[in-house]
C-alpha atoms as a PDB file:
ATOM      1  CA  ASN A   1       9.943  22.512  -4.149  1.00  0.00           C
ATOM      2  CA  ASP A   2      10.846  22.017  -0.446  1.00  0.00           C
ATOM      3  CA  THR A   3       7.575  19.824   0.262  1.00  0.00           C
ATOM      4  CA  GLY A   4       9.908  16.536  -0.150  1.00  0.00           C
ATOM      5  CA  ALA A   5       7.464  15.494  -2.983  1.00  0.00           C
ATOM      6  CA  GLY A   6      10.013  14.827  -5.161  1.00  0.00           C
ATOM      7  CA  LYS A   7      12.349  13.181  -3.072  1.00  0.00           C
ATOM      8  CA  HIS A   8      13.502   9.859  -4.498  1.00  0.00           C
ATOM      9  CA  TRP A   9      12.322   6.462  -2.685  1.00  0.00           C
ATOM     10  CA  SER A  10      15.060   3.874  -1.919  1.00  0.00           C
ATOM     11  CA  ASP A  11      14.587   0.470  -2.214  1.00  0.00           C
ATOM     12  CA  ASN A  12      14.114   0.278   1.812  1.00  0.00           C
ATOM     13  CA  GLU A  13      10.843   2.551   1.384  1.00  0.00           C
ATOM     14  CA  VAL A  14       9.796   0.968  -1.304  1.00  0.00           C
ATOM     15  CA  ARG A  15       9.765  -2.592  -0.234  1.00  0.00           C
ATOM     16  CA  ALA A  16       8.076  -1.144   3.246  1.00  0.00           C
ATOM     17  CA  LEU A  17       4.986   0.508   1.049  1.00  0.00           C
ATOM     18  CA  ILE A  18       4.714  -2.858  -1.211  1.00  0.00           C
ATOM     19  CA  ASN A  19       4.427  -4.846   2.543  1.00  0.00           C
ATOM     20  CA  ILE A  20       2.161  -2.588   3.907  1.00  0.00           C
ATOM     21  CA  TRP A  21       0.205  -2.512   0.250  1.00  0.00           C
ATOM     22  CA  SER A  22       0.185  -6.538   0.314  1.00  0.00           C
ATOM     23  CA  ASP A  23      -1.860  -6.565   3.866  1.00  0.00           C
ATOM     24  CA  GLU A  24      -5.382  -7.984   2.815  1.00  0.00           C
ATOM     25  CA  LYS A  25      -7.023  -5.564   4.929  1.00  0.00           C
ATOM     26  CA  ILE A  26      -5.167  -2.611   3.029  1.00  0.00           C
ATOM     27  CA  GLN A  27      -5.777  -4.457  -0.426  1.00  0.00           C
ATOM     28  CA  GLN A  28      -9.606  -4.971   0.285  1.00  0.00           C
ATOM     29  CA  MET A  29      -9.707  -1.487   1.685  1.00  0.00           C
ATOM     30  CA  LEU A  30      -8.003  -0.516  -1.956  1.00  0.00           C
ATOM     31  CA  GLU A  31     -10.636  -2.693  -3.872  1.00  0.00           C
ATOM     32  CA  GLY A  32     -12.679  -0.106  -5.623  1.00  0.00           C
ATOM     33  CA  ALA A  33     -12.322   2.609  -3.360  1.00  0.00           C
ATOM     34  CA  THR A  34     -12.157   6.055  -5.001  1.00  0.00           C
ATOM     35  CA  ARG A  35     -11.860   7.980  -2.023  1.00  0.00           C
ATOM     36  CA  ASN A  36      -8.886   6.489  -0.691  1.00  0.00           C
ATOM     37  CA  LYS A  37      -7.314   9.621   1.268  1.00  0.00           C
ATOM     38  CA  GLU A  38      -7.719   7.898   4.541  1.00  0.00           C
ATOM     39  CA  ILE A  39      -6.440   4.725   3.202  1.00  0.00           C
ATOM     40  CA  PHE A  40      -3.099   6.031   2.144  1.00  0.00           C
ATOM     41  CA  GLU A  41      -2.619   8.309   5.404  1.00  0.00           C
ATOM     42  CA  GLU A  42      -3.055   4.744   7.266  1.00  0.00           C
ATOM     43  CA  ILE A  43       0.048   3.520   5.183  1.00  0.00           C
ATOM     44  CA  ALA A  44       1.798   7.132   5.281  1.00  0.00           C
ATOM     45  CA  ARG A  45       1.434   6.213   9.145  1.00  0.00           C
ATOM     46  CA  ARG A  46       2.481   2.591   9.425  1.00  0.00           C
ATOM     47  CA  LEU A  47       5.449   3.703   7.079  1.00  0.00           C
ATOM     48  CA  MET A  48       6.010   6.480  10.104  1.00  0.00           C
ATOM     49  CA  LYS A  49       6.134   3.524  12.707  1.00  0.00           C
ATOM     50  CA  ARG A  50       8.917   1.837  10.674  1.00  0.00           C
ATOM     51  CA  GLY A  51      10.901   5.424  10.787  1.00  0.00           C
ATOM     52  CA  ILE A  52       9.902   6.078   6.956  1.00  0.00           C
ATOM     53  CA  ASP A  53       8.524   9.916   6.651  1.00  0.00           C
ATOM     54  CA  ARG A  54       6.280   9.892   3.636  1.00  0.00           C
ATOM     55  CA  ASP A  55       3.197  11.815   3.269  1.00  0.00           C
ATOM     56  CA  TRP A  56      -0.582  10.504   2.294  1.00  0.00           C
ATOM     57  CA  LYS A  57       0.323  12.151  -1.098  1.00  0.00           C
ATOM     58  CA  GLN A  58       3.534  10.645  -1.851  1.00  0.00           C
ATOM     59  CA  CYS A  59       2.333   7.045  -0.812  1.00  0.00           C
ATOM     60  CA  ARG A  60      -0.324   7.218  -3.429  1.00  0.00           C
ATOM     61  CA  THR A  61       2.214   8.501  -6.076  1.00  0.00           C
ATOM     62  CA  LYS A  62       3.836   5.774  -5.330  1.00  0.00           C
ATOM     63  CA  TYR A  63       1.327   3.022  -5.383  1.00  0.00           C
ATOM     64  CA  LYS A  64       0.122   4.685  -8.513  1.00  0.00           C
ATOM     65  CA  ASN A  65       2.850   4.766 -10.168  1.00  0.00           C
ATOM     66  CA  LEU A  66       4.069   0.912  -9.060  1.00  0.00           C
ATOM     67  CA  LYS A  67       0.961  -0.463 -10.313  1.00  0.00           C
ATOM     68  CA  TYR A  68       1.147   1.827 -13.937  1.00  0.00           C
ATOM     69  CA  GLU A  69       4.814   0.753 -14.016  1.00  0.00           C
ATOM     70  CA  TYR A  70       3.710  -2.961 -14.252  1.00  0.00           C
ATOM     71  CA  ARG A  71       0.604  -2.796 -16.197  1.00  0.00           C
ATOM     72  CA  ALA A  72       2.572  -0.917 -18.756  1.00  0.00           C
ATOM     73  CA  LEU A  73       5.521  -3.949 -18.621  1.00  0.00           C
ATOM     74  CA  GLN A  74       2.224  -6.482 -18.807  1.00  0.00           C
ATOM     75  CA  LYS A  75       0.919  -4.608 -22.136  1.00  0.00           C
ATOM     76  CA  GLU A  76       4.341  -4.590 -23.126  1.00  0.00           C
ATOM     77  CA  ASN A  77       5.332  -8.298 -22.972  1.00  0.00           C
ATOM     78  CA  GLU A  78       1.964  -9.141 -24.308  1.00  0.00           C
ATOM     79  CA  HIS A  79       2.720  -7.377 -27.553  1.00  0.00           C
ATOM     80  CA  LEU A  80       5.699  -8.555 -27.813  1.00  0.00           C
ATOM     81  CA  GLY A  81       5.450 -11.759 -26.343  1.00  0.00           C
ATOM     82  CA  ASN A  82       8.709 -11.750 -24.406  1.00  0.00           C
ATOM     83  CA  PRO A  83       9.609  -9.815 -21.866  1.00  0.00           C
ATOM     84  CA  ARG A  84      12.304  -6.985 -22.491  1.00  0.00           C
ATOM     85  CA  ARG A  85      12.456  -5.198 -19.795  1.00  0.00           C
ATOM     86  CA  LYS A  86      11.661  -5.437 -16.061  1.00  0.00           C
ATOM     87  CA  MET A  87      10.570  -3.186 -13.212  1.00  0.00           C
ATOM     88  CA  ARG A  88      12.077  -2.972  -9.896  1.00  0.00           C
ATOM     89  CA  PHE A  89       9.755  -4.633  -7.569  1.00  0.00           C
ATOM     90  CA  TYR A  90       8.383  -6.259 -10.375  1.00  0.00           C
ATOM     91  CA  ASP A  91       7.682  -9.926  -9.159  1.00  0.00           C
ATOM     92  CA  GLU A  92       6.475  -8.437  -5.316  1.00  0.00           C
ATOM     93  CA  VAL A  93       3.622  -5.893  -7.539  1.00  0.00           C
ATOM     94  CA  ASP A  94       2.717  -8.971  -9.300  1.00  0.00           C
ATOM     95  CA  CYS A  95       2.178 -11.182  -6.648  1.00  0.00           C
ATOM     96  CA  ILE A  96      -0.017  -8.646  -5.092  1.00  0.00           C
ATOM     97  CA  LEU A  97      -2.279  -7.521  -7.940  1.00  0.00           C
ATOM     98  CA  ARG A  98      -2.495 -11.243  -9.417  1.00  0.00           C
ATOM     99  CA  ARG A  99      -3.803 -11.826  -5.950  1.00  0.00           C
ATOM    100  CA  GLN A 100      -1.757 -15.040  -4.649  1.00  0.00           C
ATOM    101  CA  PRO A 101      -3.786 -16.796  -2.273  1.00  0.00           C
ATOM    102  CA  LEU A 102      -3.106 -15.068   1.317  1.00  0.00           C
ATOM    103  CA  GLY A 103      -1.679 -17.281   4.270  1.00  0.00           C
ATOM    104  CA  PRO A 104      -2.756 -16.253   7.910  1.00  0.00           C
ATOM    105  CA  SER A 105       0.967 -16.053   8.335  1.00  0.00           C
ATOM    106  CA  SER A 106       2.364 -14.538   4.942  1.00  0.00           C
ATOM    107  CA  TRP A 107       0.885 -12.772   2.262  1.00  0.00           C
ATOM    108  CA  GLY A 108       2.188 -15.560  -0.306  1.00  0.00           C
ATOM    109  CA  CYS A 109       5.040 -14.531  -1.777  1.00  0.00           C
ATOM    110  CA  GLU A 110       7.773 -16.050   0.436  1.00  0.00           C
ATOM    111  CA  SER A 111      10.542 -16.521  -2.344  1.00  0.00           C
ATOM    112  CA  SER A 112      10.179 -12.616  -3.411  1.00  0.00           C
ATOM    113  CA  SER A 113      13.219 -10.541  -2.787  1.00  0.00           C
ATOM    114  CA  LEU A 114      10.543  -8.638  -0.289  1.00  0.00           C
ATOM    115  CA  LEU A 115      10.839 -10.850   2.333  1.00  0.00           C
ATOM    116  CA  SER A 116      14.628 -11.194   2.107  1.00  0.00           C
ATOM    117  CA  GLY A 117      14.714  -7.599   3.705  1.00  0.00           C
ATOM    118  CA  THR A 118      16.691  -6.822   6.604  1.00  0.00           C
ATOM    119  CA  THR A 119      13.521  -5.922   8.623  1.00  0.00           C
ATOM    120  CA  ASN A 120      10.838  -8.098   9.739  1.00  0.00           C
ATOM    121  CA  PHE A 121       7.669  -6.613   9.364  1.00  0.00           C
ATOM    122  CA  SER A 122       5.290 -10.219   9.743  1.00  0.00           C
ATOM    123  CA  ASP A 123       4.194  -8.979  13.630  1.00  0.00           C
ATOM    124  CA  GLU A 124       2.700  -5.658  11.876  1.00  0.00           C
ATOM    125  CA  ILE A 125       0.583  -7.239   9.710  1.00  0.00           C
ATOM    126  CA  LYS A 126      -1.993  -9.483  11.994  1.00  0.00           C
END
């Protein structure tokens, strides 16, 4: 398998994906969209601008896996009553999926580790 489909995502790549996913325009496009290839092509283009080479299928798969893992943990924690496990980037995904109020200059999760990354992407989300 030389397609890179199974290539591991680094933390910086996942942070960049989550940062793009947190863009209100992207969230609105994803909301209720059943045919979302074009959305993930746009996400892949934005990643490429940041030097991250991922195709739309890889982006969609990572997005779906993050959502799935988040929802599975939510269910597990609800059922057990107290959080036993936590996923990487839980707080960032939680913030996006709970749709915290989005301000004009940030996406509402300023205390998250996402925004303490090494690169400032705020100029791209305008």
